[in-house]
Structure formats: structure tokens, C-alpha cells
Amino acid sequence: MVVFFLTCFVWRSWRVWRQTGINPLVPTPGDDVHDYVGRIFRLQVLATGIIVLLFAKAPHDRAVLAPLQSLEHLELRAAGVIAMLIALVWTFVAQAQMGASWRIGVDSKHATPLVAAGVFKYSRNPIFAGIMLALAGLFMATPNAWTLLLFALGVILINVQVRLEEAHLFKLHGASYEAYRQQVRRWL
């Protein structure tokens, strides 16, 4: 998860900023739904980091994380690690194909082209699909009440964010986005 975060958010953000001079982390100073979701996403990222650190730093004292012992199996952990690795590669590829259009949040100040090639031919939201897979993988690798909560919250937030972005993209690209939306599924 640390590698996922550093690669897919920190490094990618730095790269887009260097290429465009635009901070891809769209500020959320207001009090509308975009800003609310953005703030909750940031809290979720912080909580994920804290939970991963707690799991790594105190393997003998995992009771604080409320483990779901009935799910603690080597096979499930291995599947979780594999899911996180697939999510890392998938998200990295999708972000690379999105290029300078990649943002964290809805950027109404800078128009970006509609990206419909590469993995975007198969999913309108491959990056969000990758994030959900990473959160599912984290839960499988470390099944506890907190990672389950992070996964559930992530799915809810991502679904809200996707709908906000769809409205933004329709407003920005009109008929070309609608045609894309009709041809490509939201997820996979």
C-alpha cells in the first residue's frame, strides 16, 4: 500500500506538475459535495497509512485493529498481496495513459482532453477500479475491522466521485463524452 500510494499519487502528481505546471491535486476550499468528498478521501488516505503502519509496527499486538480471525488464512493473504500488485500495475498504466489529464478531484479551471484509448477503452474509470482493487487487497491481506471499513468507505466515496466526474466530463465534452459513455462501461 505504501508503494501504491507513493507511485500512484505522490510520484504521478509530481510528474503531472512537472509536465504541465498544474497541481493535479485540485484544492477543495469550498463547501459543496466536491469539497466534502475530497476532504473525506484525504482522511481515508491518512487513515489507510496509519492502519498499515500499525499493522507493520505491531505485528504482535494486532488486537487493536480488531482482526477478523476467521479470515486470516495464508491463501487469502497471498490473494490480497497479488490483488494489490495487480492494482498497482493497472493504476500505474491507466495514469500513464491519462498523462497530463490526470487529476485528483474535479478540475473545472483547466480543460483536459477526453481520454478514451488504452485501458480507457475497457473502463471509463480504470484508476478508480485499481484503487478499489487495492483496498480489497489490503482487506484480504490484513482482514480486520478497520481495513473492511476502509474498503467499504472507499467504494462509497469512489462511486460518488465517479458520478461527480461524469457530470463534469459531460459538461466539458458534451456529445463526445456521451458517445464514449454509451460505448464503454463504468467499471469493466
Protein backbone atom coordinates (compact mmCIF):
# COMPACT_ATOMS: atom_id res chain seq x y z
CA MET A 1 0.00 0.00 0.00
CA VAL A 2 2.88 2.37 0.70
CA VAL A 3 4.38 1.65 -2.72
CA PHE A 4 0.91 2.03 -4.28
CA PHE A 5 0.40 5.42 -2.64
CA LEU A 6 3.88 6.73 -3.39
CA THR A 7 3.80 5.53 -7.00
CA CYS A 8 0.23 6.31 -7.95
CA PHE A 9 -0.32 9.53 -6.05
CA VAL A 10 2.89 11.23 -4.96
CA TRP A 11 5.09 10.38 -7.95
CA ARG A 12 2.27 10.75 -10.51
CA SER A 13 1.24 14.12 -9.04
CA TRP A 14 4.83 15.36 -9.14
CA ARG A 15 5.16 14.16 -12.73
CA VAL A 16 1.99 15.90 -13.93
CA TRP A 17 3.01 19.08 -12.11
CA ARG A 18 6.47 18.99 -13.79
CA GLN A 19 4.93 18.42 -17.23
CA THR A 20 2.15 20.99 -17.01
CA GLY A 21 2.90 23.37 -14.16
CA ILE A 22 -0.59 22.49 -12.86
CA ASN A 23 -1.02 20.96 -9.44
CA PRO A 24 -3.10 17.81 -10.13
CA LEU A 25 -4.37 17.85 -6.54
CA VAL A 26 -7.39 20.04 -7.07
CA PRO A 27 -7.91 22.24 -4.00
CA THR A 28 -11.19 21.87 -2.13
CA PRO A 29 -11.70 25.22 -0.39
CA GLY A 30 -15.49 25.43 -0.66
CA ASP A 31 -18.41 23.73 0.96
CA ASP A 32 -20.01 21.74 -1.85
CA VAL A 33 -20.13 18.00 -2.46
CA HIS A 34 -16.84 18.04 -4.44
CA ASP A 35 -15.03 19.59 -1.50
CA TYR A 36 -16.66 17.27 1.03
CA VAL A 37 -15.73 14.14 -0.92
CA GLY A 38 -12.19 15.47 -1.41
CA ARG A 39 -11.74 16.02 2.31
CA ILE A 40 -13.09 12.56 3.15
CA PHE A 41 -10.75 10.99 0.54
CA ARG A 42 -7.78 12.72 2.18
CA LEU A 43 -8.84 11.46 5.60
CA GLN A 44 -9.19 7.97 4.18
CA VAL A 45 -5.68 8.08 2.72
CA LEU A 46 -4.34 9.23 6.09
CA ALA A 47 -6.29 6.51 7.92
CA THR A 48 -5.02 3.88 5.48
CA GLY A 49 -1.45 4.96 6.12
CA ILE A 50 -1.94 4.84 9.88
CA ILE A 51 -3.55 1.39 9.75
CA VAL A 52 -0.82 -0.01 7.50
CA LEU A 53 1.84 1.40 9.83
CA LEU A 54 0.10 -0.02 12.89
CA PHE A 55 -0.09 -3.42 11.23
CA ALA A 56 3.58 -3.30 10.24
CA LYS A 57 4.93 -1.86 13.51
CA ALA A 58 2.98 -4.00 15.96
CA PRO A 59 2.51 -7.46 14.44
CA HIS A 60 2.32 -9.00 17.93
CA ASP A 61 -0.37 -6.53 19.09
CA ARG A 62 -2.88 -6.67 16.27
CA ALA A 63 -5.84 -6.80 18.65
CA VAL A 64 -6.05 -3.00 18.40
CA LEU A 65 -7.02 -3.43 14.74
CA ALA A 66 -9.89 -5.82 15.58
CA PRO A 67 -8.74 -8.72 13.41
CA LEU A 68 -11.27 -10.94 11.69
CA GLN A 69 -9.57 -14.16 12.66
CA SER A 70 -11.91 -16.37 10.65
CA LEU A 71 -10.47 -14.73 7.50
CA GLU A 72 -6.81 -14.96 8.47
CA HIS A 73 -5.57 -17.59 6.03
CA LEU A 74 -2.30 -17.68 4.14
CA GLU A 75 -4.13 -18.17 0.83
CA LEU A 76 -6.31 -15.09 1.39
CA ARG A 77 -3.29 -13.02 2.37
CA ALA A 78 -1.45 -14.14 -0.76
CA ALA A 79 -4.51 -13.28 -2.87
CA GLY A 80 -4.59 -9.85 -1.21
CA VAL A 81 -0.94 -9.18 -1.99
CA ILE A 82 -1.47 -10.30 -5.59
CA ALA A 83 -4.55 -8.06 -5.84
CA MET A 84 -2.52 -5.08 -4.57
CA LEU A 85 0.26 -5.79 -7.09
CA ILE A 86 -2.25 -6.05 -9.95
CA ALA A 87 -3.89 -2.83 -8.74
CA LEU A 88 -0.52 -1.08 -8.67
CA VAL A 89 0.34 -2.07 -12.23
CA TRP A 90 -3.19 -1.43 -13.54
CA THR A 91 -3.42 2.01 -11.91
CA PHE A 92 0.10 2.96 -12.99
CA VAL A 93 -0.67 2.04 -16.62
CA ALA A 94 -4.02 3.87 -16.56
CA GLN A 95 -2.42 7.00 -15.11
CA ALA A 96 0.37 6.88 -17.69
CA GLN A 97 -2.21 6.61 -20.47
CA MET A 98 -4.14 9.50 -18.97
CA GLY A 99 -0.95 11.56 -19.00
CA ALA A 100 -1.26 15.26 -18.19
CA SER A 101 -5.06 14.94 -17.89
CA TRP A 102 -4.74 13.11 -14.56
CA ARG A 103 -6.16 14.97 -11.57
CA ILE A 104 -7.18 14.23 -8.01
CA GLY A 105 -10.60 15.83 -7.88
CA VAL A 106 -12.67 17.70 -10.45
CA ASP A 107 -10.61 20.44 -12.12
CA SER A 108 -13.01 22.98 -13.57
CA LYS A 109 -10.22 25.53 -14.18
CA HIS A 110 -8.15 23.55 -16.68
CA ALA A 111 -9.85 21.80 -19.60
CA THR A 112 -8.38 18.39 -20.36
CA PRO A 113 -8.90 16.19 -23.39
CA LEU A 114 -11.19 13.18 -23.14
CA VAL A 115 -9.05 10.07 -22.70
CA ALA A 116 -10.67 7.08 -24.42
CA ALA A 117 -7.68 5.00 -25.52
CA GLY A 118 -5.65 2.26 -23.85
CA VAL A 119 -7.33 0.77 -20.79
CA PHE A 120 -9.92 3.55 -21.06
CA LYS A 121 -11.39 1.57 -24.00
CA TYR A 122 -12.48 -1.05 -21.47
CA SER A 123 -13.32 1.03 -18.41
CA ARG A 124 -14.27 4.68 -18.03
CA ASN A 125 -12.72 4.58 -14.55
CA PRO A 126 -9.72 2.25 -14.56
CA ILE A 127 -7.86 4.27 -11.93
CA PHE A 128 -10.75 4.10 -9.50
CA ALA A 129 -11.17 0.39 -10.28
CA GLY A 130 -7.49 -0.04 -9.40
CA ILE A 131 -7.92 1.84 -6.14
CA MET A 132 -10.89 -0.33 -5.17
CA LEU A 133 -8.89 -3.45 -6.02
CA ALA A 134 -6.00 -2.19 -3.87
CA LEU A 135 -8.36 -1.57 -0.94
CA ALA A 136 -9.90 -5.03 -1.39
CA GLY A 137 -6.39 -6.49 -1.50
CA LEU A 138 -5.45 -4.66 1.69
CA PHE A 139 -8.51 -6.13 3.41
CA MET A 140 -7.69 -9.63 2.17
CA ALA A 141 -4.05 -9.33 3.23
CA THR A 142 -4.90 -7.83 6.62
CA PRO A 143 -8.50 -8.78 7.39
CA ASN A 144 -9.64 -6.60 10.24
CA ALA A 145 -12.49 -4.26 11.07
CA TRP A 146 -10.51 -1.18 10.02
CA THR A 147 -9.45 -2.43 6.58
CA LEU A 148 -13.03 -3.59 5.99
CA LEU A 149 -14.25 -0.10 6.90
CA LEU A 150 -11.64 1.49 4.60
CA PHE A 151 -12.72 -0.76 1.73
CA ALA A 152 -16.43 -0.01 2.24
CA LEU A 153 -15.82 3.72 2.61
CA GLY A 154 -13.58 3.68 -0.46
CA VAL A 155 -16.24 2.01 -2.59
CA ILE A 156 -18.87 4.53 -1.47
CA LEU A 157 -16.61 7.58 -1.97
CA ILE A 158 -15.37 6.37 -5.34
CA ASN A 159 -18.92 5.83 -6.57
CA VAL A 160 -19.87 9.37 -5.52
CA GLN A 161 -16.70 10.82 -7.08
CA VAL A 162 -17.27 8.94 -10.34
CA ARG A 163 -20.72 10.45 -10.69
CA LEU A 164 -19.35 13.94 -10.00
CA GLU A 165 -16.66 13.41 -12.62
CA GLU A 166 -19.17 12.07 -15.14
CA ALA A 167 -21.24 15.24 -14.78
CA HIS A 168 -18.08 17.34 -15.20
CA LEU A 169 -16.94 15.40 -18.27
CA PHE A 170 -20.37 15.68 -19.88
CA LYS A 171 -20.36 19.43 -19.25
CA LEU A 172 -16.83 19.70 -20.68
CA HIS A 173 -17.08 17.32 -23.66
CA GLY A 174 -20.82 17.05 -24.35
CA ALA A 175 -21.78 14.65 -27.13
CA SER A 176 -18.32 13.09 -27.43
CA TYR A 177 -18.41 12.11 -23.75
CA GLU A 178 -21.96 10.82 -24.08
CA ALA A 179 -20.93 8.64 -27.05
CA TYR A 180 -17.96 7.35 -25.04
CA ARG A 181 -20.21 6.71 -22.04
CA GLN A 182 -22.58 4.68 -24.22
CA GLN A 183 -19.74 2.54 -25.61
CA VAL A 184 -17.60 1.90 -22.52
CA ARG A 185 -18.70 0.51 -19.19
CA ARG A 186 -18.24 2.48 -16.00
CA TRP A 187 -16.05 -0.21 -14.45
CA LEU A 188 -15.07 -3.29 -16.50
